Amino acid sequence: MAKKILLVEDSNTVRQQVGILLSGAGYSIVEADNGRDAVAAVSAHKGDLAMIIADVNMPVMNGIEMLESLRDNGLASGVPILMLTTEGQPELIDKARKAGAKGWIIKPFKPDLLLAAVKKLAGEP
């Protein structure tokens, strides 16, 4: 059975690009387009996710708020979270790491770099 990854991204284009890359590598993808829906998806797939990939800038609930909600509610304990975003400010990266993010990749991204990070954090599909 393929490892399941939650992809949290408000851009349909980026969600599609990342989804094609990861499903082509053998992963199963669950999608959410904002942090609030991601928290619900994590709850629904509890114990079933190999990792979460999330944007920072999203409507409804941003990626940092999502990280804090997951941490505060103990929903993603043991699930590695990779932030995939256009943001690169050190203070934002530090805040995300303190809230539970294990990695940070800035868009636009190189597919091989993203795939290497996913394999490192989630393991082979």
PDB file of N, CA and C in Angstrom:
ATOM      1  N   MET A   1       0.843  -1.192   0.000  1.00  0.00           N
ATOM      2  CA  MET A   1       0.000   0.000   0.000  1.00  0.00           C
ATOM      3  C   MET A   1       0.884   1.249   0.000  1.00  0.00           C
ATOM      4  N   ALA A   2       0.555   2.203  -0.837  1.00  0.00           N
ATOM      5  CA  ALA A   2       1.349   3.436  -0.973  1.00  0.00           C
ATOM      6  C   ALA A   2       1.247   4.286   0.293  1.00  0.00           C
ATOM      7  N   LYS A   3       2.332   4.955   0.631  1.00  0.00           N
ATOM      8  CA  LYS A   3       2.325   5.874   1.760  1.00  0.00           C
ATOM      9  C   LYS A   3       1.485   7.088   1.393  1.00  0.00           C
ATOM     10  N   LYS A   4       0.681   7.536   2.354  1.00  0.00           N
ATOM     11  CA  LYS A   4      -0.258   8.632   2.122  1.00  0.00           C
ATOM     12  C   LYS A   4       0.330   9.956   2.589  1.00  0.00           C
ATOM     13  N   ILE A   5       0.261  10.968   1.707  1.00  0.00           N
ATOM     14  CA  ILE A   5       0.758  12.312   2.007  1.00  0.00           C
ATOM     15  C   ILE A   5      -0.395  13.305   1.884  1.00  0.00           C
ATOM     16  N   LEU A   6      -0.555  14.145   2.905  1.00  0.00           N
ATOM     17  CA  LEU A   6      -1.526  15.232   2.848  1.00  0.00           C
ATOM     18  C   LEU A   6      -0.840  16.439   2.232  1.00  0.00           C
ATOM     19  N   LEU A   7      -1.392  16.925   1.130  1.00  0.00           N
ATOM     20  CA  LEU A   7      -0.868  18.086   0.412  1.00  0.00           C
ATOM     21  C   LEU A   7      -1.808  19.255   0.654  1.00  0.00           C
ATOM     22  N   VAL A   8      -1.306  20.292   1.332  1.00  0.00           N
ATOM     23  CA  VAL A   8      -2.120  21.450   1.713  1.00  0.00           C
ATOM     24  C   VAL A   8      -1.621  22.662   0.951  1.00  0.00           C
ATOM     25  N   GLU A   9      -2.388  23.087  -0.029  1.00  0.00           N
ATOM     26  CA  GLU A   9      -1.953  24.162  -0.944  1.00  0.00           C
ATOM     27  C   GLU A   9      -3.191  24.805  -1.545  1.00  0.00           C
ATOM     28  N   ASP A  10      -3.273  26.142  -1.495  1.00  0.00           N
ATOM     29  CA  ASP A  10      -4.437  26.817  -2.049  1.00  0.00           C
ATOM     30  C   ASP A  10      -4.377  26.991  -3.565  1.00  0.00           C
ATOM     31  N   SER A  11      -3.217  26.894  -4.159  1.00  0.00           N
ATOM     32  CA  SER A  11      -3.086  27.025  -5.609  1.00  0.00           C
ATOM     33  C   SER A  11      -3.378  25.676  -6.284  1.00  0.00           C
ATOM     34  N   ASN A  12      -4.418  25.654  -7.117  1.00  0.00           N
ATOM     35  CA  ASN A  12      -4.748  24.422  -7.844  1.00  0.00           C
ATOM     36  C   ASN A  12      -3.580  23.957  -8.705  1.00  0.00           C
ATOM     37  N   THR A  13      -2.886  24.912  -9.322  1.00  0.00           N
ATOM     38  CA  THR A  13      -1.767  24.582 -10.210  1.00  0.00           C
ATOM     39  C   THR A  13      -0.639  23.892  -9.443  1.00  0.00           C
ATOM     40  N   VAL A  14      -0.246  24.473  -8.312  1.00  0.00           N
ATOM     41  CA  VAL A  14       0.832  23.885  -7.517  1.00  0.00           C
ATOM     42  C   VAL A  14       0.384  22.533  -6.952  1.00  0.00           C
ATOM     43  N   ARG A  15      -0.861  22.466  -6.473  1.00  0.00           N
ATOM     44  CA  ARG A  15      -1.385  21.200  -5.944  1.00  0.00           C
ATOM     45  C   ARG A  15      -1.331  20.115  -7.012  1.00  0.00           C
ATOM     46  N   GLN A  16      -1.705  20.472  -8.220  1.00  0.00           N
ATOM     47  CA  GLN A  16      -1.680  19.508  -9.321  1.00  0.00           C
ATOM     48  C   GLN A  16      -0.244  19.090  -9.656  1.00  0.00           C
ATOM     49  N   GLN A  17       0.681  20.050  -9.744  1.00  0.00           N
ATOM     50  CA  GLN A  17       2.079  19.740 -10.068  1.00  0.00           C
ATOM     51  C   GLN A  17       2.700  18.814  -9.018  1.00  0.00           C
ATOM     52  N   VAL A  18       2.523  19.156  -7.755  1.00  0.00           N
ATOM     53  CA  VAL A  18       3.096  18.347  -6.681  1.00  0.00           C
ATOM     54  C   VAL A  18       2.412  16.980  -6.625  1.00  0.00           C
ATOM     55  N   GLY A  19       1.098  16.976  -6.802  1.00  0.00           N
ATOM     56  CA  GLY A  19       0.354  15.714  -6.791  1.00  0.00           C
ATOM     57  C   GLY A  19       0.818  14.765  -7.879  1.00  0.00           C
ATOM     58  N   ILE A  20       1.034  15.281  -9.081  1.00  0.00           N
ATOM     59  CA  ILE A  20       1.513  14.451 -10.194  1.00  0.00           C
ATOM     60  C   ILE A  20       2.916  13.916  -9.890  1.00  0.00           C
ATOM     61  N   LEU A  21       3.784  14.786  -9.375  1.00  0.00           N
ATOM     62  CA  LEU A  21       5.145  14.371  -9.041  1.00  0.00           C
ATOM     63  C   LEU A  21       5.139  13.241  -8.003  1.00  0.00           C
ATOM     64  N   LEU A  22       4.376  13.433  -6.931  1.00  0.00           N
ATOM     65  CA  LEU A  22       4.395  12.457  -5.837  1.00  0.00           C
ATOM     66  C   LEU A  22       3.646  11.179  -6.174  1.00  0.00           C
ATOM     67  N   SER A  23       2.523  11.294  -6.862  1.00  0.00           N
ATOM     68  CA  SER A  23       1.806  10.068  -7.242  1.00  0.00           C
ATOM     69  C   SER A  23       2.619   9.287  -8.267  1.00  0.00           C
ATOM     70  N   GLY A  24       3.335   9.995  -9.133  1.00  0.00           N
ATOM     71  CA  GLY A  24       4.213   9.337 -10.096  1.00  0.00           C
ATOM     72  C   GLY A  24       5.367   8.606  -9.423  1.00  0.00           C
ATOM     73  N   ALA A  25       5.731   9.068  -8.218  1.00  0.00           N
ATOM     74  CA  ALA A  25       6.797   8.417  -7.453  1.00  0.00           C
ATOM     75  C   ALA A  25       6.254   7.291  -6.572  1.00  0.00           C
ATOM     76  N   GLY A  26       4.922   7.092  -6.587  1.00  0.00           N
ATOM     77  CA  GLY A  26       4.340   5.979  -5.857  1.00  0.00           C
ATOM     78  C   GLY A  26       3.604   6.328  -4.574  1.00  0.00           C
ATOM     79  N   TYR A  27       3.482   7.621  -4.261  1.00  0.00           N
ATOM     80  CA  TYR A  27       2.771   8.027  -3.050  1.00  0.00           C
ATOM     81  C   TYR A  27       1.282   8.224  -3.344  1.00  0.00           C
ATOM     82  N   SER A  28       0.468   8.069  -2.322  1.00  0.00           N
ATOM     83  CA  SER A  28      -0.962   8.350  -2.399  1.00  0.00           C
ATOM     84  C   SER A  28      -1.171   9.761  -1.842  1.00  0.00           C
ATOM     85  N   ILE A  29      -2.000  10.567  -2.493  1.00  0.00           N
ATOM     86  CA  ILE A  29      -2.163  11.978  -2.118  1.00  0.00           C
ATOM     87  C   ILE A  29      -3.571  12.257  -1.624  1.00  0.00           C
ATOM     88  N   VAL A  30      -3.648  12.973  -0.495  1.00  0.00           N
ATOM     89  CA  VAL A  30      -4.890  13.537   0.030  1.00  0.00           C
ATOM     90  C   VAL A  30      -4.701  15.040  -0.064  1.00  0.00           C
ATOM     91  N   GLU A  31      -5.720  15.777  -0.520  1.00  0.00           N
ATOM     92  CA  GLU A  31      -5.559  17.214  -0.736  1.00  0.00           C
ATOM     93  C   GLU A  31      -6.449  18.048   0.175  1.00  0.00           C
ATOM     94  N   ALA A  32      -5.931  19.233   0.534  1.00  0.00           N
ATOM     95  CA  ALA A  32      -6.703  20.260   1.231  1.00  0.00           C
ATOM     96  C   ALA A  32      -6.227  21.597   0.680  1.00  0.00           C
ATOM     97  N   ASP A  33      -7.135  22.577   0.599  1.00  0.00           N
ATOM     98  CA  ASP A  33      -6.727  23.860   0.029  1.00  0.00           C
ATOM     99  C   ASP A  33      -6.595  24.983   1.057  1.00  0.00           C
ATOM    100  N   ASN A  34      -6.693  24.648   2.347  1.00  0.00           N
ATOM    101  CA  ASN A  34      -6.425  25.632   3.398  1.00  0.00           C
ATOM    102  C   ASN A  34      -6.122  24.892   4.700  1.00  0.00           C
ATOM    103  N   GLY A  35      -5.614  25.618   5.669  1.00  0.00           N
ATOM    104  CA  GLY A  35      -5.199  25.008   6.921  1.00  0.00           C
ATOM    105  C   GLY A  35      -6.328  24.379   7.710  1.00  0.00           C
ATOM    106  N   ARG A  36      -7.495  25.011   7.709  1.00  0.00           N
ATOM    107  CA  ARG A  36      -8.632  24.458   8.459  1.00  0.00           C
ATOM    108  C   ARG A  36      -9.046  23.102   7.903  1.00  0.00           C
ATOM    109  N   ASP A  37      -9.145  23.011   6.572  1.00  0.00           N
ATOM    110  CA  ASP A  37      -9.491  21.726   5.956  1.00  0.00           C
ATOM    111  C   ASP A  37      -8.387  20.694   6.189  1.00  0.00           C
ATOM    112  N   ALA A  38      -7.149  21.157   6.274  1.00  0.00           N
ATOM    113  CA  ALA A  38      -6.026  20.248   6.535  1.00  0.00           C
ATOM    114  C   ALA A  38      -6.133  19.647   7.936  1.00  0.00           C
ATOM    115  N   VAL A  39      -6.484  20.471   8.921  1.00  0.00           N
ATOM    116  CA  VAL A  39      -6.634  19.963  10.288  1.00  0.00           C
ATOM    117  C   VAL A  39      -7.730  18.894  10.312  1.00  0.00           C
ATOM    118  N   ALA A  40      -8.830  19.138   9.608  1.00  0.00           N
ATOM    119  CA  ALA A  40      -9.913  18.147   9.529  1.00  0.00           C
ATOM    120  C   ALA A  40      -9.435  16.872   8.829  1.00  0.00           C
ATOM    121  N   ALA A  41      -8.639  17.035   7.767  1.00  0.00           N
ATOM    122  CA  ALA A  41      -8.125  15.868   7.029  1.00  0.00           C
ATOM    123  C   ALA A  41      -7.169  15.051   7.888  1.00  0.00           C
ATOM    124  N   VAL A  42      -6.331  15.728   8.666  1.00  0.00           N
ATOM    125  CA  VAL A  42      -5.408  15.011   9.552  1.00  0.00           C
ATOM    126  C   VAL A  42      -6.207  14.211  10.579  1.00  0.00           C
ATOM    127  N   SER A  43      -7.254  14.819  11.101  1.00  0.00           N
ATOM    128  CA  SER A  43      -8.105  14.132  12.070  1.00  0.00           C
ATOM    129  C   SER A  43      -8.778  12.915  11.426  1.00  0.00           C
ATOM    130  N   ALA A  44      -9.253  13.072  10.196  1.00  0.00           N
ATOM    131  CA  ALA A  44      -9.924  11.983   9.489  1.00  0.00           C
ATOM    132  C   ALA A  44      -8.977  10.851   9.108  1.00  0.00           C
ATOM    133  N   HIS A  45      -7.721  11.180   8.859  1.00  0.00           N
ATOM    134  CA  HIS A  45      -6.730  10.185   8.426  1.00  0.00           C
ATOM    135  C   HIS A  45      -5.717   9.877   9.529  1.00  0.00           C
ATOM    136  N   LYS A  46      -6.096  10.140  10.773  1.00  0.00           N
ATOM    137  CA  LYS A  46      -5.174   9.970  11.913  1.00  0.00           C
ATOM    138  C   LYS A  46      -4.527   8.588  11.894  1.00  0.00           C
ATOM    139  N   GLY A  47      -3.207   8.581  12.013  1.00  0.00           N
ATOM    140  CA  GLY A  47      -2.461   7.334  12.020  1.00  0.00           C
ATOM    141  C   GLY A  47      -2.213   6.754  10.645  1.00  0.00           C
ATOM    142  N   ASP A  48      -2.723   7.438   9.617  1.00  0.00           N
ATOM    143  CA  ASP A  48      -2.656   6.922   8.258  1.00  0.00           C
ATOM    144  C   ASP A  48      -1.762   7.758   7.340  1.00  0.00           C
ATOM    145  N   LEU A  49      -1.232   8.874   7.862  1.00  0.00           N
ATOM    146  CA  LEU A  49      -0.437   9.783   7.037  1.00  0.00           C
ATOM    147  C   LEU A  49       1.059   9.572   7.255  1.00  0.00           C
ATOM    148  N   ALA A  50       1.798   9.496   6.150  1.00  0.00           N
ATOM    149  CA  ALA A  50       3.259   9.382   6.233  1.00  0.00           C
ATOM    150  C   ALA A  50       3.893  10.751   6.415  1.00  0.00           C
ATOM    151  N   MET A  51       3.239  11.790   5.890  1.00  0.00           N
ATOM    152  CA  MET A  51       3.738  13.156   6.056  1.00  0.00           C
ATOM    153  C   MET A  51       2.705  14.163   5.575  1.00  0.00           C
ATOM    154  N   ILE A  52       2.993  15.448   5.862  1.00  0.00           N
ATOM    155  CA  ILE A  52       2.163  16.570   5.423  1.00  0.00           C
ATOM    156  C   ILE A  52       3.083  17.549   4.708  1.00  0.00           C
ATOM    157  N   ILE A  53       2.627  18.032   3.555  1.00  0.00           N
ATOM    158  CA  ILE A  53       3.324  19.104   2.831  1.00  0.00           C
ATOM    159  C   ILE A  53       2.350  20.276   2.799  1.00  0.00           C
ATOM    160  N   ALA A  54       2.796  21.451   3.261  1.00  0.00           N
ATOM    161  CA  ALA A  54       1.871  22.575   3.361  1.00  0.00           C
ATOM    162  C   ALA A  54       2.505  23.894   2.948  1.00  0.00           C
ATOM    163  N   ASP A  55       1.671  24.737   2.363  1.00  0.00           N
ATOM    164  CA  ASP A  55       2.023  26.111   2.046  1.00  0.00           C
ATOM    165  C   ASP A  55       1.900  26.939   3.323  1.00  0.00           C
ATOM    166  N   VAL A  56       2.450  28.140   3.321  1.00  0.00           N
ATOM    167  CA  VAL A  56       2.285  29.055   4.444  1.00  0.00           C
ATOM    168  C   VAL A  56       1.126  30.005   4.167  1.00  0.00           C
ATOM    169  N   ASN A  57       1.127  30.645   3.002  1.00  0.00           N
ATOM    170  CA  ASN A  57       0.121  31.646   2.672  1.00  0.00           C
ATOM    171  C   ASN A  57      -1.111  31.001   2.067  1.00  0.00           C
ATOM    172  N   MET A  58      -2.147  30.840   2.903  1.00  0.00           N
ATOM    173  CA  MET A  58      -3.412  30.248   2.447  1.00  0.00           C
ATOM    174  C   MET A  58      -4.561  30.991   3.107  1.00  0.00           C
ATOM    175  N   PRO A  59      -5.728  30.972   2.473  1.00  0.00           N
ATOM    176  CA  PRO A  59      -6.900  31.601   3.083  1.00  0.00           C
ATOM    177  C   PRO A  59      -7.439  30.746   4.229  1.00  0.00           C
ATOM    178  N   VAL A  60      -8.335  31.304   4.987  1.00  0.00           N
ATOM    179  CA  VAL A  60      -9.049  30.668   6.101  1.00  0.00           C
ATOM    180  C   VAL A  60      -8.118  30.429   7.292  1.00  0.00           C
ATOM    181  N   MET A  61      -7.105  29.583   7.132  1.00  0.00           N
ATOM    182  CA  MET A  61      -6.102  29.335   8.171  1.00  0.00           C
ATOM    183  C   MET A  61      -4.774  29.129   7.461  1.00  0.00           C
ATOM    184  N   ASN A  62      -3.771  29.957   7.792  1.00  0.00           N
ATOM    185  CA  ASN A  62      -2.486  29.830   7.101  1.00  0.00           C
ATOM    186  C   ASN A  62      -1.692  28.633   7.628  1.00  0.00           C
ATOM    187  N   GLY A  63      -0.564  28.374   7.000  1.00  0.00           N
ATOM    188  CA  GLY A  63       0.227  27.198   7.340  1.00  0.00           C
ATOM    189  C   GLY A  63       0.801  27.218   8.747  1.00  0.00           C
ATOM    190  N   ILE A  64       1.186  28.383   9.238  1.00  0.00           N
ATOM    191  CA  ILE A  64       1.725  28.476  10.596  1.00  0.00           C
ATOM    192  C   ILE A  64       0.613  28.209  11.605  1.00  0.00           C
ATOM    193  N   GLU A  65      -0.562  28.802  11.380  1.00  0.00           N
ATOM    194  CA  GLU A  65      -1.703  28.547  12.266  1.00  0.00           C
ATOM    195  C   GLU A  65      -2.096  27.066  12.229  1.00  0.00           C
ATOM    196  N   MET A  66      -2.014  26.458  11.056  1.00  0.00           N
ATOM    197  CA  MET A  66      -2.308  25.030  10.917  1.00  0.00           C
ATOM    198  C   MET A  66      -1.326  24.210  11.761  1.00  0.00           C
ATOM    199  N   LEU A  67      -0.008  24.529  11.643  1.00  0.00           N
ATOM    200  CA  LEU A  67       1.005  23.835  12.439  1.00  0.00           C
ATOM    201  C   LEU A  67       0.699  23.947  13.930  1.00  0.00           C
ATOM    202  N   GLU A  68       0.380  25.148  14.368  1.00  0.00           N
ATOM    203  CA  GLU A  68       0.106  25.379  15.790  1.00  0.00           C
ATOM    204  C   GLU A  68      -1.133  24.622  16.244  1.00  0.00           C
ATOM    205  N   SER A  69      -2.164  24.590  15.402  1.00  0.00           N
ATOM    206  CA  SER A  69      -3.385  23.855  15.737  1.00  0.00           C
ATOM    207  C   SER A  69      -3.118  22.351  15.823  1.00  0.00           C
ATOM    208  N   LEU A  70      -2.369  21.828  14.865  1.00  0.00           N
ATOM    209  CA  LEU A  70      -2.027  20.400  14.883  1.00  0.00           C
ATOM    210  C   LEU A  70      -1.214  20.069  16.136  1.00  0.00           C
ATOM    211  N   ARG A  71      -0.243  20.917  16.451  1.00  0.00           N
ATOM    212  CA  ARG A  71       0.594  20.697  17.638  1.00  0.00           C
ATOM    213  C   ARG A  71      -0.236  20.783  18.917  1.00  0.00           C
ATOM    214  N   ASP A  72      -1.027  21.857  19.040  1.00  0.00           N
ATOM    215  CA  ASP A  72      -1.790  22.085  20.265  1.00  0.00           C
ATOM    216  C   ASP A  72      -2.838  21.006  20.511  1.00  0.00           C
ATOM    217  N   ASN A  73      -3.334  20.390  19.439  1.00  0.00           N
ATOM    218  CA  ASN A  73      -4.356  19.343  19.572  1.00  0.00           C
ATOM    219  C   ASN A  73      -3.771  17.930  19.481  1.00  0.00           C
ATOM    220  N   GLY A  74      -2.448  17.844  19.352  1.00  0.00           N
ATOM    221  CA  GLY A  74      -1.789  16.541  19.301  1.00  0.00           C
ATOM    222  C   GLY A  74      -2.193  15.681  18.111  1.00  0.00           C
ATOM    223  N   LEU A  75      -2.615  16.325  17.021  1.00  0.00           N
ATOM    224  CA  LEU A  75      -3.134  15.579  15.872  1.00  0.00           C
ATOM    225  C   LEU A  75      -2.058  15.002  14.963  1.00  0.00           C
ATOM    226  N   ALA A  76      -0.918  15.662  14.874  1.00  0.00           N
ATOM    227  CA  ALA A  76       0.101  15.223  13.907  1.00  0.00           C
ATOM    228  C   ALA A  76       1.366  14.738  14.600  1.00  0.00           C
ATOM    229  N   SER A  77       1.227  14.285  15.807  1.00  0.00           N
ATOM    230  CA  SER A  77       2.385  13.799  16.548  1.00  0.00           C
ATOM    231  C   SER A  77       3.039  12.643  15.786  1.00  0.00           C
ATOM    232  N   GLY A  78       4.313  12.803  15.492  1.00  0.00           N
ATOM    233  CA  GLY A  78       5.035  11.773  14.757  1.00  0.00           C
ATOM    234  C   GLY A  78       4.901  11.846  13.249  1.00  0.00           C
ATOM    235  N   VAL A  79       4.113  12.803  12.745  1.00  0.00           N
ATOM    236  CA  VAL A  79       3.945  12.965  11.300  1.00  0.00           C
ATOM    237  C   VAL A  79       4.839  14.122  10.851  1.00  0.00           C
ATOM    238  N   PRO A  80       5.857  13.856  10.016  1.00  0.00           N
ATOM    239  CA  PRO A  80       6.728  14.953   9.570  1.00  0.00           C
ATOM    240  C   PRO A  80       5.979  15.933   8.671  1.00  0.00           C
ATOM    241  N   ILE A  81       6.278  17.212   8.856  1.00  0.00           N
ATOM    242  CA  ILE A  81       5.625  18.271   8.085  1.00  0.00           C
ATOM    243  C   ILE A  81       6.683  19.074   7.342  1.00  0.00           C
ATOM    244  N   LEU A  82       6.495  19.199   6.037  1.00  0.00           N
ATOM    245  CA  LEU A  82       7.383  19.957   5.159  1.00  0.00           C
ATOM    246  C   LEU A  82       6.627  21.168   4.645  1.00  0.00           C
ATOM    247  N   MET A  83       7.196  22.357   4.834  1.00  0.00           N
ATOM    248  CA  MET A  83       6.577  23.567   4.321  1.00  0.00           C
ATOM    249  C   MET A  83       7.127  23.830   2.916  1.00  0.00           C
ATOM    250  N   LEU A  84       6.216  24.056   1.977  1.00  0.00           N
ATOM    251  CA  LEU A  84       6.548  24.344   0.579  1.00  0.00           C
ATOM    252  C   LEU A  84       5.914  25.687   0.263  1.00  0.00           C
ATOM    253  N   THR A  85       6.730  26.757   0.199  1.00  0.00           N
ATOM    254  CA  THR A  85       6.178  28.102   0.187  1.00  0.00           C
ATOM    255  C   THR A  85       7.085  29.093  -0.539  1.00  0.00           C
ATOM    256  N   THR A  86       6.544  30.251  -0.835  1.00  0.00           N
ATOM    257  CA  THR A  86       7.337  31.325  -1.433  1.00  0.00           C
ATOM    258  C   THR A  86       8.064  32.136  -0.362  1.00  0.00           C
ATOM    259  N   GLU A  87       7.722  31.911   0.893  1.00  0.00           N
ATOM    260  CA  GLU A  87       8.286  32.682   2.006  1.00  0.00           C
ATOM    261  C   GLU A  87       9.661  32.152   2.398  1.00  0.00           C
ATOM    262  N   GLY A  88      10.567  33.065   2.731  1.00  0.00           N
ATOM    263  CA  GLY A  88      11.897  32.639   3.129  1.00  0.00           C
ATOM    264  C   GLY A  88      12.472  33.406   4.308  1.00  0.00           C
ATOM    265  N   GLN A  89      11.630  34.186   5.014  1.00  0.00           N
ATOM    266  CA  GLN A  89      12.135  34.969   6.144  1.00  0.00           C
ATOM    267  C   GLN A  89      12.560  34.042   7.282  1.00  0.00           C
ATOM    268  N   PRO A  90      13.774  34.242   7.798  1.00  0.00           N
ATOM    269  CA  PRO A  90      14.284  33.383   8.875  1.00  0.00           C
ATOM    270  C   PRO A  90      13.357  33.294  10.092  1.00  0.00           C
ATOM    271  N   GLU A  91      12.721  34.418  10.450  1.00  0.00           N
ATOM    272  CA  GLU A  91      11.846  34.393  11.630  1.00  0.00           C
ATOM    273  C   GLU A  91      10.598  33.536  11.392  1.00  0.00           C
ATOM    274  N   LEU A  92      10.111  33.506  10.168  1.00  0.00           N
ATOM    275  CA  LEU A  92       8.959  32.669   9.829  1.00  0.00           C
ATOM    276  C   LEU A  92       9.359  31.194   9.820  1.00  0.00           C
ATOM    277  N   ILE A  93      10.526  30.908   9.284  1.00  0.00           N
ATOM    278  CA  ILE A  93      11.036  29.533   9.270  1.00  0.00           C
ATOM    279  C   ILE A  93      11.227  29.046  10.701  1.00  0.00           C
ATOM    280  N   ASP A  94      11.779  29.898  11.556  1.00  0.00           N
ATOM    281  CA  ASP A  94      11.988  29.535  12.958  1.00  0.00           C
ATOM    282  C   ASP A  94      10.656  29.276  13.662  1.00  0.00           C
ATOM    283  N   LYS A  95       9.674  30.122  13.399  1.00  0.00           N
ATOM    284  CA  LYS A  95       8.349  29.958  14.007  1.00  0.00           C
ATOM    285  C   LYS A  95       7.724  28.628  13.563  1.00  0.00           C
ATOM    286  N   ALA A  96       7.880  28.298  12.278  1.00  0.00           N
ATOM    287  CA  ALA A  96       7.341  27.043  11.757  1.00  0.00           C
ATOM    288  C   ALA A  96       8.042  25.847  12.388  1.00  0.00           C
ATOM    289  N   ARG A  97       9.346  25.924  12.511  1.00  0.00           N
ATOM    290  CA  ARG A  97      10.097  24.810  13.135  1.00  0.00           C
ATOM    291  C   ARG A  97       9.669  24.615  14.590  1.00  0.00           C
ATOM    292  N   LYS A  98       9.490  25.715  15.315  1.00  0.00           N
ATOM    293  CA  LYS A  98       9.045  25.618  16.708  1.00  0.00           C
ATOM    294  C   LYS A  98       7.652  25.019  16.816  1.00  0.00           C
ATOM    295  N   ALA A  99       6.837  25.204  15.769  1.00  0.00           N
ATOM    296  CA  ALA A  99       5.476  24.661  15.767  1.00  0.00           C
ATOM    297  C   ALA A  99       5.425  23.240  15.210  1.00  0.00           C
ATOM    298  N   GLY A 100       6.570  22.724  14.725  1.00  0.00           N
ATOM    299  CA  GLY A 100       6.588  21.323  14.318  1.00  0.00           C
ATOM    300  C   GLY A 100       7.051  21.020  12.911  1.00  0.00           C
ATOM    301  N   ALA A 101       7.330  22.027  12.092  1.00  0.00           N
ATOM    302  CA  ALA A 101       7.795  21.760  10.728  1.00  0.00           C
ATOM    303  C   ALA A 101       9.186  21.130  10.759  1.00  0.00           C
ATOM    304  N   LYS A 102       9.394  20.116   9.934  1.00  0.00           N
ATOM    305  CA  LYS A 102      10.683  19.421   9.871  1.00  0.00           C
ATOM    306  C   LYS A 102      11.527  19.855   8.679  1.00  0.00           C
ATOM    307  N   GLY A 103      10.924  20.592   7.740  1.00  0.00           N
ATOM    308  CA  GLY A 103      11.650  21.037   6.565  1.00  0.00           C
ATOM    309  C   GLY A 103      10.967  22.227   5.926  1.00  0.00           C
ATOM    310  N   TRP A 104      11.711  22.898   5.030  1.00  0.00           N
ATOM    311  CA  TRP A 104      11.228  24.133   4.397  1.00  0.00           C
ATOM    312  C   TRP A 104      11.815  24.205   2.997  1.00  0.00           C
ATOM    313  N   ILE A 105      10.970  24.223   1.984  1.00  0.00           N
ATOM    314  CA  ILE A 105      11.419  24.370   0.600  1.00  0.00           C
ATOM    315  C   ILE A 105      10.727  25.586   0.008  1.00  0.00           C
ATOM    316  N   ILE A 106      11.514  26.432  -0.665  1.00  0.00           N
ATOM    317  CA  ILE A 106      10.967  27.656  -1.247  1.00  0.00           C
ATOM    318  C   ILE A 106      10.578  27.414  -2.699  1.00  0.00           C
ATOM    319  N   LYS A 107       9.364  27.887  -3.050  1.00  0.00           N
ATOM    320  CA  LYS A 107       8.879  27.828  -4.433  1.00  0.00           C
ATOM    321  C   LYS A 107       9.465  29.003  -5.203  1.00  0.00           C
ATOM    322  N   PRO A 108       9.715  28.864  -6.488  1.00  0.00           N
ATOM    323  CA  PRO A 108       9.540  27.628  -7.264  1.00  0.00           C
ATOM    324  C   PRO A 108      10.577  26.589  -6.827  1.00  0.00           C
ATOM    325  N   PHE A 109      10.177  25.338  -6.849  1.00  0.00           N
ATOM    326  CA  PHE A 109      11.018  24.261  -6.350  1.00  0.00           C
ATOM    327  C   PHE A 109      11.519  23.383  -7.489  1.00  0.00           C
ATOM    328  N   LYS A 110      12.608  22.701  -7.237  1.00  0.00           N
ATOM    329  CA  LYS A 110      13.123  21.715  -8.191  1.00  0.00           C
ATOM    330  C   LYS A 110      12.485  20.376  -7.818  1.00  0.00           C
ATOM    331  N   PRO A 111      11.840  19.710  -8.775  1.00  0.00           N
ATOM    332  CA  PRO A 111      11.161  18.449  -8.460  1.00  0.00           C
ATOM    333  C   PRO A 111      12.048  17.429  -7.757  1.00  0.00           C
ATOM    334  N   ASP A 112      13.313  17.313  -8.165  1.00  0.00           N
ATOM    335  CA  ASP A 112      14.183  16.309  -7.533  1.00  0.00           C
ATOM    336  C   ASP A 112      14.495  16.677  -6.080  1.00  0.00           C
ATOM    337  N   LEU A 113      14.560  17.968  -5.776  1.00  0.00           N
ATOM    338  CA  LEU A 113      14.785  18.411  -4.405  1.00  0.00           C
ATOM    339  C   LEU A 113      13.575  18.087  -3.529  1.00  0.00           C
ATOM    340  N   LEU A 114      12.383  18.358  -4.042  1.00  0.00           N
ATOM    341  CA  LEU A 114      11.166  18.050  -3.295  1.00  0.00           C
ATOM    342  C   LEU A 114      11.043  16.548  -3.065  1.00  0.00           C
ATOM    343  N   LEU A 115      11.269  15.768  -4.096  1.00  0.00           N
ATOM    344  CA  LEU A 115      11.172  14.313  -3.984  1.00  0.00           C
ATOM    345  C   LEU A 115      12.192  13.763  -2.989  1.00  0.00           C
ATOM    346  N   ALA A 116      13.399  14.294  -2.991  1.00  0.00           N
ATOM    347  CA  ALA A 116      14.433  13.863  -2.040  1.00  0.00           C
ATOM    348  C   ALA A 116      14.000  14.182  -0.605  1.00  0.00           C
ATOM    349  N   ALA A 117      13.422  15.368  -0.394  1.00  0.00           N
ATOM    350  CA  ALA A 117      12.960  15.753   0.946  1.00  0.00           C
ATOM    351  C   ALA A 117      11.821  14.850   1.403  1.00  0.00           C
ATOM    352  N   VAL A 118      10.907  14.546   0.491  1.00  0.00           N
ATOM    353  CA  VAL A 118       9.783  13.661   0.824  1.00  0.00           C
ATOM    354  C   VAL A 118      10.293  12.276   1.200  1.00  0.00           C
ATOM    355  N   LYS A 119      11.194  11.737   0.409  1.00  0.00           N
ATOM    356  CA  LYS A 119      11.740  10.400   0.704  1.00  0.00           C
ATOM    357  C   LYS A 119      12.483  10.387   2.034  1.00  0.00           C
ATOM    358  N   LYS A 120      13.179  11.486   2.343  1.00  0.00           N
ATOM    359  CA  LYS A 120      13.906  11.579   3.607  1.00  0.00           C
ATOM    360  C   LYS A 120      12.936  11.609   4.792  1.00  0.00           C
ATOM    361  N   LEU A 121      11.858  12.379   4.664  1.00  0.00           N
ATOM    362  CA  LEU A 121      10.926  12.550   5.780  1.00  0.00           C
ATOM    363  C   LEU A 121       9.880  11.433   5.872  1.00  0.00           C
ATOM    364  N   ALA A 122       9.374  10.977   4.729  1.00  0.00           N
ATOM    365  CA  ALA A 122       8.293   9.981   4.733  1.00  0.00           C
ATOM    366  C   ALA A 122       8.785   8.572   4.457  1.00  0.00           C
ATOM    367  N   GLY A 123       9.984   8.466   3.904  1.00  0.00           N
ATOM    368  CA  GLY A 123      10.476   7.154   3.496  1.00  0.00           C
ATOM    369  C   GLY A 123      10.048   6.854   2.069  1.00  0.00           C
ATOM    370  N   GLU A 124      10.531   5.754   1.549  1.00  0.00           N
ATOM    371  CA  GLU A 124      10.169   5.353   0.186  1.00  0.00           C
ATOM    372  C   GLU A 124       8.673   5.029   0.136  1.00  0.00           C
ATOM    373  N   PRO A 125       8.047   5.216  -1.038  1.00  0.00           N
ATOM    374  CA  PRO A 125       6.596   4.971  -1.139  1.00  0.00           C
ATOM    375  C   PRO A 125       6.184   3.562  -0.872  1.00  0.00           C
TER     376      PRO A 125
END
